Amino acid sequence: MTGQLLIDLALITALLLLVSFWERKGLASVGLRWPSGRDLVATVAVCLLWFPIVIAIGMLLPVSLQADQRGLAALVALPLWLRLLLLLISPFQEELLFKAYLIERVEKLTGSTWLAFGVSVLSNTLAHLTLWGGGALASIAPGIAILSGFYIWRRNLPASTALHVVADSPIVWLPILLSRWR
């Protein structure tokens, strides 16, 4: 997983350099700007709804479409400091690459927000294939669709990253809670 962190950091760096020096666009072109008060309220509101929605989706899906438990076990086995780093860096990388950059550029090229949304959801869902397995894609896609829709609604990378961090936060706090109940 430390290799994944290095890959994430390299992708973040490469993409920010691409936007700044190759495309010669400001970082605001990928939603990198200070969140407004409305962005903060929207982020908190969606964060409060996140877990009930995800739990409901999970309850509706058959067990065969749930995440591969080996992926979860691999994350839970990591030391706390590494899970915390993953929790901060990986969501930013995914939001930058699959939401902010991809949505903004596909939308600009095609003029279609819906196509940009679809490309974002599909590519980000497929990126989770190696860790969570093919069966889990159906359970992962709705959460990714919510994150993509949130980015399109707010167009703010820090706000969408904060939501993503909340969504991924069980990898940090769940093992701590489970260890105390044993």
C-alpha atoms as a PDB file:
ATOM      1  CA  MET A   1       0.000   0.000   0.000  1.00  0.00           C
ATOM      2  CA  THR A   2       2.924   2.377   0.428  1.00  0.00           C
ATOM      3  CA  GLY A   3       3.492   1.846  -3.288  1.00  0.00           C
ATOM      4  CA  GLN A   4      -0.087   3.004  -3.880  1.00  0.00           C
ATOM      5  CA  LEU A   5       0.599   6.172  -1.913  1.00  0.00           C
ATOM      6  CA  LEU A   6       3.617   6.919  -4.092  1.00  0.00           C
ATOM      7  CA  ILE A   7       1.560   6.313  -7.227  1.00  0.00           C
ATOM      8  CA  ASP A   8      -1.188   8.601  -5.911  1.00  0.00           C
ATOM      9  CA  LEU A   9       1.332  11.356  -5.132  1.00  0.00           C
ATOM     10  CA  ALA A  10       2.941  10.990  -8.554  1.00  0.00           C
ATOM     11  CA  LEU A  11      -0.451  11.202 -10.293  1.00  0.00           C
ATOM     12  CA  ILE A  12      -1.440  14.272  -8.277  1.00  0.00           C
ATOM     13  CA  THR A  13       1.847  15.997  -9.085  1.00  0.00           C
ATOM     14  CA  ALA A  14       1.739  15.064 -12.772  1.00  0.00           C
ATOM     15  CA  LEU A  15      -1.852  16.215 -13.196  1.00  0.00           C
ATOM     16  CA  LEU A  16      -1.324  19.537 -11.422  1.00  0.00           C
ATOM     17  CA  LEU A  17       1.789  20.162 -13.538  1.00  0.00           C
ATOM     18  CA  LEU A  18      -0.136  19.207 -16.694  1.00  0.00           C
ATOM     19  CA  VAL A  19      -2.922  21.647 -15.886  1.00  0.00           C
ATOM     20  CA  SER A  20      -0.564  24.463 -14.895  1.00  0.00           C
ATOM     21  CA  PHE A  21       2.227  24.170 -17.450  1.00  0.00           C
ATOM     22  CA  TRP A  22       0.978  22.129 -20.433  1.00  0.00           C
ATOM     23  CA  GLU A  23      -2.610  23.357 -20.579  1.00  0.00           C
ATOM     24  CA  ARG A  24      -1.661  26.726 -19.060  1.00  0.00           C
ATOM     25  CA  LYS A  25      -4.850  26.835 -17.026  1.00  0.00           C
ATOM     26  CA  GLY A  26      -5.285  27.830 -13.447  1.00  0.00           C
ATOM     27  CA  LEU A  27      -5.921  25.231 -10.798  1.00  0.00           C
ATOM     28  CA  ALA A  28      -9.462  26.615 -10.497  1.00  0.00           C
ATOM     29  CA  SER A  29     -10.072  24.846 -13.847  1.00  0.00           C
ATOM     30  CA  VAL A  30     -10.058  21.608 -11.844  1.00  0.00           C
ATOM     31  CA  GLY A  31     -12.088  22.988  -8.961  1.00  0.00           C
ATOM     32  CA  LEU A  32      -9.102  23.754  -6.741  1.00  0.00           C
ATOM     33  CA  ARG A  33     -10.342  26.818  -4.901  1.00  0.00           C
ATOM     34  CA  TRP A  34     -11.380  27.713  -1.374  1.00  0.00           C
ATOM     35  CA  PRO A  35     -14.856  26.312  -0.551  1.00  0.00           C
ATOM     36  CA  SER A  36     -17.643  28.854  -0.133  1.00  0.00           C
ATOM     37  CA  GLY A  37     -20.072  28.772   2.773  1.00  0.00           C
ATOM     38  CA  ARG A  38     -22.598  27.022   0.508  1.00  0.00           C
ATOM     39  CA  ASP A  39     -19.985  24.419  -0.433  1.00  0.00           C
ATOM     40  CA  LEU A  40     -19.371  23.727   3.252  1.00  0.00           C
ATOM     41  CA  VAL A  41     -23.090  23.428   4.053  1.00  0.00           C
ATOM     42  CA  ALA A  42     -23.620  21.119   1.056  1.00  0.00           C
ATOM     43  CA  THR A  43     -20.647  18.975   2.078  1.00  0.00           C
ATOM     44  CA  VAL A  44     -21.913  18.589   5.644  1.00  0.00           C
ATOM     45  CA  ALA A  45     -25.446  17.801   4.435  1.00  0.00           C
ATOM     46  CA  VAL A  46     -24.300  15.101   2.021  1.00  0.00           C
ATOM     47  CA  CYS A  47     -21.868  13.710   4.623  1.00  0.00           C
ATOM     48  CA  LEU A  48     -24.800  13.253   7.019  1.00  0.00           C
ATOM     49  CA  LEU A  49     -26.743  11.377   4.342  1.00  0.00           C
ATOM     50  CA  TRP A  50     -23.793   9.325   3.079  1.00  0.00           C
ATOM     51  CA  PHE A  51     -23.792   6.321   5.399  1.00  0.00           C
ATOM     52  CA  PRO A  52     -27.578   5.757   5.460  1.00  0.00           C
ATOM     53  CA  ILE A  53     -27.619   5.820   1.646  1.00  0.00           C
ATOM     54  CA  VAL A  54     -24.629   3.476   1.312  1.00  0.00           C
ATOM     55  CA  ILE A  55     -26.030   1.081   3.921  1.00  0.00           C
ATOM     56  CA  ALA A  56     -29.389   1.024   2.115  1.00  0.00           C
ATOM     57  CA  ILE A  57     -27.664   0.282  -1.207  1.00  0.00           C
ATOM     58  CA  GLY A  58     -25.672  -2.508   0.441  1.00  0.00           C
ATOM     59  CA  MET A  59     -28.818  -4.040   1.893  1.00  0.00           C
ATOM     60  CA  LEU A  60     -30.501  -4.076  -1.509  1.00  0.00           C
ATOM     61  CA  LEU A  61     -27.625  -5.816  -3.278  1.00  0.00           C
ATOM     62  CA  PRO A  62     -27.089  -9.562  -3.082  1.00  0.00           C
ATOM     63  CA  VAL A  63     -24.004 -10.774  -1.213  1.00  0.00           C
ATOM     64  CA  SER A  64     -22.399 -11.751  -4.537  1.00  0.00           C
ATOM     65  CA  LEU A  65     -22.200  -8.048  -5.404  1.00  0.00           C
ATOM     66  CA  GLN A  66     -20.546  -6.989  -2.165  1.00  0.00           C
ATOM     67  CA  ALA A  67     -16.905  -5.953  -1.935  1.00  0.00           C
ATOM     68  CA  ASP A  68     -14.220  -8.635  -1.892  1.00  0.00           C
ATOM     69  CA  GLN A  69     -13.395  -9.056   1.792  1.00  0.00           C
ATOM     70  CA  ARG A  70      -9.709  -9.609   0.968  1.00  0.00           C
ATOM     71  CA  GLY A  71      -9.455  -5.964  -0.108  1.00  0.00           C
ATOM     72  CA  LEU A  72     -10.996  -4.819   3.152  1.00  0.00           C
ATOM     73  CA  ALA A  73      -8.788  -7.174   5.159  1.00  0.00           C
ATOM     74  CA  ALA A  74      -5.701  -5.795   3.410  1.00  0.00           C
ATOM     75  CA  LEU A  75      -6.664  -2.227   4.321  1.00  0.00           C
ATOM     76  CA  VAL A  76      -7.601  -3.066   7.911  1.00  0.00           C
ATOM     77  CA  ALA A  77      -4.271  -4.854   8.416  1.00  0.00           C
ATOM     78  CA  LEU A  78      -2.308  -1.684   7.646  1.00  0.00           C
ATOM     79  CA  PRO A  79      -0.866   0.344  10.510  1.00  0.00           C
ATOM     80  CA  LEU A  80      -2.997   3.293  11.603  1.00  0.00           C
ATOM     81  CA  TRP A  81      -0.543   5.920  10.296  1.00  0.00           C
ATOM     82  CA  LEU A  82      -0.647   4.374   6.819  1.00  0.00           C
ATOM     83  CA  ARG A  83      -4.448   4.150   6.817  1.00  0.00           C
ATOM     84  CA  LEU A  84      -4.559   7.834   7.786  1.00  0.00           C
ATOM     85  CA  LEU A  85      -2.207   8.767   4.948  1.00  0.00           C
ATOM     86  CA  LEU A  86      -4.263   6.714   2.503  1.00  0.00           C
ATOM     87  CA  LEU A  87      -7.416   8.379   3.811  1.00  0.00           C
ATOM     88  CA  LEU A  88      -6.018  11.826   3.045  1.00  0.00           C
ATOM     89  CA  ILE A  89      -4.128  11.233  -0.186  1.00  0.00           C
ATOM     90  CA  SER A  90      -6.130   8.640  -2.134  1.00  0.00           C
ATOM     91  CA  PRO A  91      -9.464  10.504  -2.036  1.00  0.00           C
ATOM     92  CA  PHE A  92      -7.749  13.693  -3.216  1.00  0.00           C
ATOM     93  CA  GLN A  93      -6.103  11.794  -6.071  1.00  0.00           C
ATOM     94  CA  GLU A  94      -9.378  10.150  -7.122  1.00  0.00           C
ATOM     95  CA  GLU A  95     -11.346  13.385  -6.895  1.00  0.00           C
ATOM     96  CA  LEU A  96      -8.693  15.287  -8.857  1.00  0.00           C
ATOM     97  CA  LEU A  97      -8.288  12.677 -11.588  1.00  0.00           C
ATOM     98  CA  PHE A  98     -11.720  11.083 -11.963  1.00  0.00           C
ATOM     99  CA  LYS A  99     -13.935  13.998 -10.986  1.00  0.00           C
ATOM    100  CA  ALA A 100     -12.338  17.416 -11.350  1.00  0.00           C
ATOM    101  CA  TYR A 101     -10.046  16.824 -14.319  1.00  0.00           C
ATOM    102  CA  LEU A 102     -12.049  14.218 -16.207  1.00  0.00           C
ATOM    103  CA  ILE A 103     -15.455  15.840 -15.769  1.00  0.00           C
ATOM    104  CA  GLU A 104     -14.202  19.323 -16.631  1.00  0.00           C
ATOM    105  CA  ARG A 105     -12.281  18.205 -19.716  1.00  0.00           C
ATOM    106  CA  VAL A 106     -14.866  15.748 -21.118  1.00  0.00           C
ATOM    107  CA  GLU A 107     -17.592  18.320 -20.577  1.00  0.00           C
ATOM    108  CA  LYS A 108     -15.546  20.981 -22.366  1.00  0.00           C
ATOM    109  CA  LEU A 109     -14.739  18.645 -25.280  1.00  0.00           C
ATOM    110  CA  THR A 110     -18.264  17.290 -25.765  1.00  0.00           C
ATOM    111  CA  GLY A 111     -20.522  19.945 -24.273  1.00  0.00           C
ATOM    112  CA  SER A 112     -22.300  17.196 -22.348  1.00  0.00           C
ATOM    113  CA  THR A 113     -22.374  17.147 -18.563  1.00  0.00           C
ATOM    114  CA  TRP A 114     -24.142  13.767 -18.665  1.00  0.00           C
ATOM    115  CA  LEU A 115     -21.422  12.201 -20.800  1.00  0.00           C
ATOM    116  CA  ALA A 116     -18.754  13.659 -18.494  1.00  0.00           C
ATOM    117  CA  PHE A 117     -20.642  12.226 -15.520  1.00  0.00           C
ATOM    118  CA  GLY A 118     -20.878   8.788 -17.156  1.00  0.00           C
ATOM    119  CA  VAL A 119     -17.198   8.696 -18.127  1.00  0.00           C
ATOM    120  CA  SER A 120     -16.245   9.748 -14.595  1.00  0.00           C
ATOM    121  CA  VAL A 121     -18.404   7.115 -12.901  1.00  0.00           C
ATOM    122  CA  LEU A 122     -17.368   4.313 -15.254  1.00  0.00           C
ATOM    123  CA  SER A 123     -13.629   5.002 -15.141  1.00  0.00           C
ATOM    124  CA  ASN A 124     -13.547   5.580 -11.371  1.00  0.00           C
ATOM    125  CA  THR A 125     -15.604   2.431 -10.743  1.00  0.00           C
ATOM    126  CA  LEU A 126     -13.303   0.323 -12.914  1.00  0.00           C
ATOM    127  CA  ALA A 127     -10.289   1.734 -11.066  1.00  0.00           C
ATOM    128  CA  HIS A 128     -11.601  -0.035  -7.936  1.00  0.00           C
ATOM    129  CA  LEU A 129     -11.655  -3.425  -9.652  1.00  0.00           C
ATOM    130  CA  THR A 130      -8.228  -4.628  -8.509  1.00  0.00           C
ATOM    131  CA  LEU A 131      -8.788  -3.997  -4.787  1.00  0.00           C
ATOM    132  CA  TRP A 132     -12.474  -4.850  -4.427  1.00  0.00           C
ATOM    133  CA  GLY A 133     -13.123  -7.414  -7.183  1.00  0.00           C
ATOM    134  CA  GLY A 134     -15.595  -7.493 -10.057  1.00  0.00           C
ATOM    135  CA  GLY A 135     -18.609  -8.407  -7.965  1.00  0.00           C
ATOM    136  CA  ALA A 136     -18.242  -5.245  -5.910  1.00  0.00           C
ATOM    137  CA  LEU A 137     -18.469  -2.861  -8.839  1.00  0.00           C
ATOM    138  CA  ALA A 138     -22.266  -2.759  -8.557  1.00  0.00           C
ATOM    139  CA  SER A 139     -22.007  -1.763  -4.888  1.00  0.00           C
ATOM    140  CA  ILE A 140     -19.207   0.742  -5.490  1.00  0.00           C
ATOM    141  CA  ALA A 141     -20.719   2.509  -8.516  1.00  0.00           C
ATOM    142  CA  PRO A 142     -23.620   4.212  -6.663  1.00  0.00           C
ATOM    143  CA  GLY A 143     -21.240   5.831  -4.162  1.00  0.00           C
ATOM    144  CA  ILE A 144     -18.995   6.970  -6.991  1.00  0.00           C
ATOM    145  CA  ALA A 145     -22.045   8.347  -8.819  1.00  0.00           C
ATOM    146  CA  ILE A 146     -22.948  10.356  -5.708  1.00  0.00           C
ATOM    147  CA  LEU A 147     -19.378  11.713  -5.496  1.00  0.00           C
ATOM    148  CA  SER A 148     -19.351  12.598  -9.225  1.00  0.00           C
ATOM    149  CA  GLY A 149     -22.748  14.274  -8.955  1.00  0.00           C
ATOM    150  CA  PHE A 150     -21.573  16.198  -5.916  1.00  0.00           C
ATOM    151  CA  TYR A 151     -18.524  17.471  -7.809  1.00  0.00           C
ATOM    152  CA  ILE A 152     -20.707  18.549 -10.739  1.00  0.00           C
ATOM    153  CA  TRP A 153     -23.090  20.301  -8.352  1.00  0.00           C
ATOM    154  CA  ARG A 154     -20.422  22.174  -6.362  1.00  0.00           C
ATOM    155  CA  ARG A 155     -17.426  22.292  -8.801  1.00  0.00           C
ATOM    156  CA  ASN A 156     -15.169  22.440  -5.758  1.00  0.00           C
ATOM    157  CA  LEU A 157     -12.332  19.944  -5.347  1.00  0.00           C
ATOM    158  CA  PRO A 158     -11.739  20.481  -1.600  1.00  0.00           C
ATOM    159  CA  ALA A 159     -15.469  20.010  -0.871  1.00  0.00           C
ATOM    160  CA  SER A 160     -15.714  16.822  -2.937  1.00  0.00           C
ATOM    161  CA  THR A 161     -12.482  15.531  -1.399  1.00  0.00           C
ATOM    162  CA  ALA A 162     -13.852  16.154   2.107  1.00  0.00           C
ATOM    163  CA  LEU A 163     -16.954  14.128   1.233  1.00  0.00           C
ATOM    164  CA  HIS A 164     -14.765  11.346  -0.166  1.00  0.00           C
ATOM    165  CA  VAL A 165     -12.634  11.316   2.998  1.00  0.00           C
ATOM    166  CA  VAL A 166     -15.790  10.890   5.081  1.00  0.00           C
ATOM    167  CA  ALA A 167     -16.924   8.092   2.754  1.00  0.00           C
ATOM    168  CA  ASP A 168     -13.609   6.263   3.127  1.00  0.00           C
ATOM    169  CA  SER A 169     -13.177   6.984   6.838  1.00  0.00           C
ATOM    170  CA  PRO A 170     -14.347   3.546   8.046  1.00  0.00           C
ATOM    171  CA  ILE A 171     -10.929   2.156   7.030  1.00  0.00           C
ATOM    172  CA  VAL A 172      -9.510   4.186   9.924  1.00  0.00           C
ATOM    173  CA  TRP A 173     -12.148   4.051  12.657  1.00  0.00           C
ATOM    174  CA  LEU A 174     -13.808   0.683  12.045  1.00  0.00           C
ATOM    175  CA  PRO A 175     -10.744  -1.443  12.962  1.00  0.00           C
ATOM    176  CA  ILE A 176     -10.314   0.622  16.143  1.00  0.00           C
ATOM    177  CA  LEU A 177     -13.942   0.052  17.146  1.00  0.00           C
ATOM    178  CA  LEU A 178     -13.813  -3.649  16.306  1.00  0.00           C
ATOM    179  CA  SER A 179     -10.616  -4.156  18.343  1.00  0.00           C
ATOM    180  CA  ARG A 180     -12.287  -2.634  21.402  1.00  0.00           C
ATOM    181  CA  TRP A 181     -15.293  -4.954  21.118  1.00  0.00           C
ATOM    182  CA  ARG A 182     -13.214  -8.148  21.065  1.00  0.00           C
END
